[in-house]
Amino acid sequence: MKKIFGILLILFFAFPVCCAYSAWPINDGSEEDEDCAVITDWTDGDAVAGTAESTQKTYDGCSYFGFNTFASASGNDYARRYKDVGSIESLGDTFSVSIKLYHVNIGSRNDSFFIQVERSDMVFFAYFQSDGLKLSDSEGSYTEVGTNIVVEDSWQTWTFIVDVSNGVANATCDVYLGTVKQGDDIDCSYTGNNTDGKVSLWQMGIDHDDQLSFVDWLLIGDSGASPEWEHTFIGVGAANIDSAIGVSLSDIENVIGVD
């Protein structure tokens, strides 16, 4: 047991946790496995009228996407990136979205950070606001998950498991913060004609200046699987672990019972 604990301590301190999948995303990243190292893979959709921008950021050896509205609050000020990640519908009746976020400054609805994931027949919206996490079921209609569970100045890892098995008009979502379930069967049935596989990341700045958020990584895929164990835990491959600590990953797995 002491040997196992020592190995885990080495793993924890040897690699920067900011780049890690530090919680266990319930998601295999089969449609999108984004480590936020190259933002140019995403189309720049920043508002033309304002000074908001989405840019690549690097700090302490880790890469992020940064979304900053700067001092230009107006009716159409936002920082945005979007991408076609494939087909969400190909994932079947359930799909999962996992994302790691850090908010320096966010407000309520008009100054929120939000993610938009589209099927051809529905859109999944999750709004991260100063007054809580909210999912949308129709235009102007939202359900808060828990009570004020979104925080500033701290990394938070979120997983959303969307179930459309009863039809998109009855779509629901289970919500996790880290590994702890925060909401069960939350209505997220925002229907309409959309573009299957289009994903957008937004930071709004309509009411106030200098709204700022960072994305560390994003996974979109099946809800019943996770990325490989070593990738999920510290974000590096098995060969890197073997080289760093002189113990093979398979030995660790055999001892502590994971594979």
Protein backbone atom coordinates (compact mmCIF):
# COMPACT_ATOMS: atom_id res chain seq x y z
CA MET A 1 0.00 0.00 0.00
CA LYS A 2 2.85 2.41 0.80
CA LYS A 3 4.39 1.70 -2.61
CA ILE A 4 1.08 2.42 -4.34
CA PHE A 5 0.63 5.66 -2.39
CA GLY A 6 4.17 6.72 -3.27
CA ILE A 7 3.59 6.04 -6.96
CA LEU A 8 0.41 8.09 -6.95
CA LEU A 9 2.18 10.99 -5.22
CA ILE A 10 4.90 10.91 -7.88
CA LEU A 11 2.28 10.94 -10.62
CA PHE A 12 0.48 13.85 -8.97
CA PHE A 13 3.55 16.08 -8.62
CA ALA A 14 5.40 15.03 -11.77
CA PHE A 15 2.83 16.36 -14.22
CA PRO A 16 0.88 19.65 -14.27
CA VAL A 17 -2.69 19.02 -13.13
CA CYS A 18 -3.95 21.98 -15.13
CA CYS A 19 -3.49 19.94 -18.31
CA ALA A 20 -4.99 16.78 -16.85
CA TYR A 21 -8.41 15.20 -17.08
CA SER A 22 -8.43 15.57 -13.31
CA ALA A 23 -11.95 14.30 -12.73
CA TRP A 24 -13.29 11.18 -14.42
CA PRO A 25 -15.26 12.31 -17.46
CA ILE A 26 -18.03 9.87 -18.31
CA ASN A 27 -17.13 10.22 -21.95
CA ASP A 28 -14.80 8.60 -24.48
CA GLY A 29 -14.16 11.70 -26.61
CA SER A 30 -15.06 9.77 -29.76
CA GLU A 31 -16.49 12.81 -31.58
CA GLU A 32 -14.22 15.46 -30.07
CA ASP A 33 -11.13 15.14 -27.87
CA GLU A 34 -9.91 18.73 -27.58
CA ASP A 35 -6.87 19.54 -25.44
CA CYS A 36 -7.05 23.27 -26.26
CA ALA A 37 -3.50 23.42 -27.61
CA VAL A 38 -4.43 24.77 -31.08
CA ILE A 39 -7.35 27.18 -31.22
CA THR A 40 -7.06 27.66 -34.98
CA ASP A 41 -8.77 24.28 -35.39
CA TRP A 42 -11.89 26.22 -34.41
CA THR A 43 -13.45 28.97 -36.53
CA ASP A 44 -13.20 32.49 -35.12
CA GLY A 45 -16.73 33.74 -34.53
CA ASP A 46 -15.99 36.77 -32.34
CA ALA A 47 -18.43 39.66 -32.63
CA VAL A 48 -17.28 42.10 -35.32
CA ALA A 49 -18.72 45.18 -33.63
CA GLY A 50 -16.89 44.85 -30.29
CA THR A 51 -13.37 44.17 -29.05
CA ALA A 52 -14.07 40.70 -27.64
CA GLU A 53 -11.72 37.95 -28.73
CA SER A 54 -11.10 34.23 -28.38
CA THR A 55 -7.39 33.41 -28.32
CA GLN A 56 -4.83 30.75 -27.51
CA LYS A 57 -3.39 31.10 -24.01
CA THR A 58 -0.47 29.35 -22.33
CA TYR A 59 0.42 29.43 -18.64
CA ASP A 60 2.80 27.26 -16.60
CA GLY A 61 3.26 24.83 -19.47
CA CYS A 62 -0.47 24.36 -20.09
CA SER A 63 -2.55 25.50 -23.05
CA TYR A 64 -6.04 26.96 -22.88
CA PHE A 65 -8.65 28.67 -24.98
CA GLY A 66 -9.29 32.17 -23.61
CA PHE A 67 -12.54 34.09 -24.12
CA ASN A 68 -12.41 37.79 -23.17
CA THR A 69 -14.98 40.48 -23.93
CA PHE A 70 -12.74 43.38 -22.79
CA ALA A 71 -14.16 46.87 -22.20
CA SER A 72 -16.89 46.93 -24.82
CA ALA A 73 -20.17 45.82 -23.30
CA SER A 74 -22.88 46.22 -25.91
CA GLY A 75 -25.87 44.44 -27.31
CA ASN A 76 -23.80 42.14 -29.49
CA ASP A 77 -20.45 41.77 -27.72
CA TYR A 78 -19.20 38.20 -27.40
CA ALA A 79 -16.13 36.00 -27.87
CA ARG A 80 -16.90 32.80 -29.76
CA ARG A 81 -15.32 29.77 -31.40
CA TYR A 82 -17.18 27.05 -33.28
CA LYS A 83 -16.33 23.78 -34.99
CA ASP A 84 -17.91 20.86 -36.85
CA VAL A 85 -16.89 17.88 -34.70
CA GLY A 86 -18.65 15.19 -36.73
CA SER A 87 -22.11 13.78 -35.99
CA ILE A 88 -23.73 13.94 -32.57
CA GLU A 89 -26.63 11.89 -33.90
CA SER A 90 -24.24 9.03 -34.72
CA LEU A 91 -23.75 8.57 -30.98
CA GLY A 92 -27.31 7.26 -30.66
CA ASP A 93 -29.84 7.94 -27.92
CA THR A 94 -27.32 9.32 -25.44
CA PHE A 95 -24.29 11.55 -25.77
CA SER A 96 -21.96 13.14 -23.27
CA VAL A 97 -20.20 16.48 -23.05
CA SER A 98 -17.32 16.97 -20.58
CA ILE A 99 -15.56 20.30 -20.18
CA LYS A 100 -13.08 21.87 -17.76
CA LEU A 101 -13.62 25.60 -17.16
CA TYR A 102 -12.14 28.52 -15.22
CA HIS A 103 -14.13 31.74 -14.93
CA VAL A 104 -12.33 34.92 -13.97
CA ASN A 105 -15.40 37.09 -14.41
CA ILE A 106 -18.89 36.06 -15.49
CA GLY A 107 -22.30 37.56 -14.93
CA SER A 108 -25.90 36.49 -15.31
CA ARG A 109 -27.56 35.46 -18.58
CA ASN A 110 -26.25 38.30 -20.78
CA ASP A 111 -22.69 37.91 -19.45
CA SER A 112 -22.56 34.12 -19.21
CA PHE A 113 -20.19 31.57 -20.69
CA PHE A 114 -22.06 28.83 -22.52
CA ILE A 115 -21.58 25.78 -24.69
CA GLN A 116 -23.86 24.89 -27.59
CA VAL A 117 -23.89 21.34 -29.03
CA GLU A 118 -26.14 20.71 -32.02
CA ARG A 119 -27.98 17.79 -33.53
CA SER A 120 -30.10 18.39 -36.61
CA ASP A 121 -33.24 18.24 -34.47
CA MET A 122 -32.15 19.83 -31.16
CA VAL A 123 -29.49 21.93 -29.43
CA PHE A 124 -27.95 21.28 -26.03
CA PHE A 125 -27.24 24.55 -24.18
CA ALA A 126 -25.41 24.81 -20.84
CA TYR A 127 -25.04 28.31 -19.38
CA PHE A 128 -22.40 29.00 -16.73
CA GLN A 129 -23.49 32.13 -14.89
CA SER A 130 -22.76 34.05 -11.70
CA ASP A 131 -26.19 32.97 -10.50
CA GLY A 132 -25.77 29.29 -11.34
CA LEU A 133 -25.61 26.58 -14.00
CA LYS A 134 -28.66 26.61 -16.26
CA LEU A 135 -29.84 24.30 -19.05
CA SER A 136 -32.22 25.51 -21.73
CA ASP A 137 -35.36 23.66 -22.87
CA SER A 138 -36.67 26.39 -25.20
CA GLU A 139 -36.02 30.01 -26.16
CA GLY A 140 -35.97 32.03 -22.94
CA SER A 141 -36.70 29.05 -20.68
CA TYR A 142 -34.03 27.63 -18.35
CA THR A 143 -33.69 25.22 -15.45
CA GLU A 144 -31.04 25.81 -12.80
CA VAL A 145 -29.02 22.77 -11.74
CA GLY A 146 -28.53 22.78 -7.98
CA THR A 147 -28.11 26.21 -6.39
CA ASN A 148 -25.29 28.56 -7.44
CA ILE A 149 -22.82 25.75 -8.16
CA VAL A 150 -20.76 27.74 -10.69
CA VAL A 151 -17.78 29.54 -9.12
CA GLU A 152 -15.13 32.01 -10.22
CA ASP A 153 -11.36 31.72 -9.75
CA SER A 154 -11.32 27.93 -9.59
CA TRP A 155 -11.22 25.12 -12.14
CA GLN A 156 -14.43 23.11 -12.41
CA THR A 157 -14.93 19.93 -14.43
CA TRP A 158 -18.42 19.29 -15.75
CA THR A 159 -20.06 16.30 -17.44
CA PHE A 160 -23.46 16.38 -19.10
CA ILE A 161 -25.13 13.13 -20.17
CA VAL A 162 -27.95 13.89 -22.59
CA ASP A 163 -30.68 11.28 -23.15
CA VAL A 164 -32.96 11.56 -26.21
CA SER A 165 -34.31 8.00 -26.06
CA ASN A 166 -37.86 9.35 -25.52
CA GLY A 167 -37.54 11.80 -28.41
CA VAL A 168 -35.79 15.16 -28.58
CA ALA A 169 -38.93 16.93 -27.33
CA ASN A 170 -38.42 15.01 -24.07
CA ALA A 171 -34.61 15.20 -23.90
CA THR A 172 -33.15 15.16 -20.39
CA CYS A 173 -29.69 15.57 -18.91
CA ASP A 174 -27.78 14.22 -15.91
CA VAL A 175 -25.19 16.69 -14.64
CA TYR A 176 -21.94 15.98 -12.81
CA LEU A 177 -19.49 18.39 -11.18
CA GLY A 178 -16.32 16.35 -10.98
CA THR A 179 -17.65 12.90 -10.08
CA VAL A 180 -20.59 14.14 -8.00
CA LYS A 181 -24.04 14.17 -9.57
CA GLN A 182 -25.68 17.59 -9.29
CA GLY A 183 -28.84 17.05 -11.29
CA ASP A 184 -30.89 14.15 -12.60
CA ASP A 185 -33.18 14.15 -15.66
CA ILE A 186 -33.00 17.92 -16.14
CA ASP A 187 -35.10 19.13 -19.07
CA CYS A 188 -32.81 20.15 -21.97
CA SER A 189 -35.29 19.73 -24.85
CA TYR A 190 -34.40 22.73 -27.00
CA THR A 191 -35.67 21.54 -30.39
CA GLY A 192 -35.37 23.02 -33.87
CA ASN A 193 -33.56 22.71 -37.19
CA ASN A 194 -29.80 22.89 -36.66
CA THR A 195 -26.46 21.56 -37.93
CA ASP A 196 -25.60 18.11 -36.63
CA GLY A 197 -22.11 18.17 -35.07
CA LYS A 198 -21.70 21.94 -34.76
CA VAL A 199 -20.26 22.96 -31.38
CA SER A 200 -19.88 26.55 -30.20
CA LEU A 201 -18.16 28.07 -27.16
CA TRP A 202 -19.35 31.54 -26.17
CA GLN A 203 -18.41 34.22 -23.66
CA MET A 204 -21.04 36.94 -23.59
CA GLY A 205 -20.39 40.55 -22.56
CA ILE A 206 -23.63 42.39 -23.20
CA ASP A 207 -24.27 44.09 -19.86
CA HIS A 208 -20.76 44.39 -18.38
CA ASP A 209 -17.16 44.76 -19.55
CA ASP A 210 -14.27 42.32 -19.11
CA GLN A 211 -16.09 39.01 -18.93
CA LEU A 212 -13.36 36.33 -19.05
CA SER A 213 -13.31 32.52 -19.10
CA PHE A 214 -10.80 29.77 -19.98
CA VAL A 215 -11.32 26.25 -21.36
CA ASP A 216 -8.72 23.61 -20.52
CA TRP A 217 -10.24 20.70 -22.46
CA LEU A 218 -13.43 19.41 -24.04
CA LEU A 219 -14.67 15.87 -24.68
CA ILE A 220 -17.76 14.87 -26.63
CA GLY A 221 -18.68 11.25 -27.16
CA ASP A 222 -20.51 8.19 -25.89
CA SER A 223 -21.89 8.39 -22.37
CA GLY A 224 -21.02 4.83 -21.39
CA ALA A 225 -17.23 4.92 -21.78
CA SER A 226 -14.22 6.87 -20.59
CA PRO A 227 -10.87 7.68 -22.19
CA GLU A 228 -8.00 5.29 -21.43
CA TRP A 229 -7.11 5.29 -17.75
CA GLU A 230 -3.69 6.93 -17.92
CA HIS A 231 -4.97 9.60 -20.32
CA THR A 232 -7.92 10.38 -18.09
CA PHE A 233 -5.94 10.60 -14.87
CA ILE A 234 -2.94 12.72 -15.78
CA GLY A 235 -3.10 13.40 -19.47
CA VAL A 236 0.04 11.52 -20.55
CA GLY A 237 0.67 8.19 -22.21
CA ALA A 238 1.75 4.95 -20.59
CA ALA A 239 5.27 5.17 -22.05
CA ASN A 240 5.77 8.57 -20.39
CA ILE A 241 4.69 7.14 -17.04
CA ASP A 242 7.03 4.14 -17.36
CA SER A 243 9.95 6.40 -18.20
CA ALA A 244 9.24 8.91 -15.44
CA ILE A 245 8.84 6.56 -12.48
CA GLY A 246 10.46 3.30 -13.63
CA VAL A 247 7.31 1.30 -12.97
CA SER A 248 5.07 0.05 -15.75
CA LEU A 249 1.47 1.19 -15.89
CA SER A 250 0.34 -2.43 -16.18
CA ASP A 251 2.00 -3.22 -12.83
CA ILE A 252 0.13 -0.33 -11.21
CA GLU A 253 -3.13 -1.45 -12.79
CA ASN A 254 -2.66 -5.03 -11.58
CA VAL A 255 -2.06 -3.89 -8.02
CA ILE A 256 -4.83 -1.30 -7.66
CA GLY A 257 -7.39 -3.08 -9.83
CA VAL A 258 -7.96 -0.74 -12.78
CA ASP A 259 -7.52 -1.35 -16.50
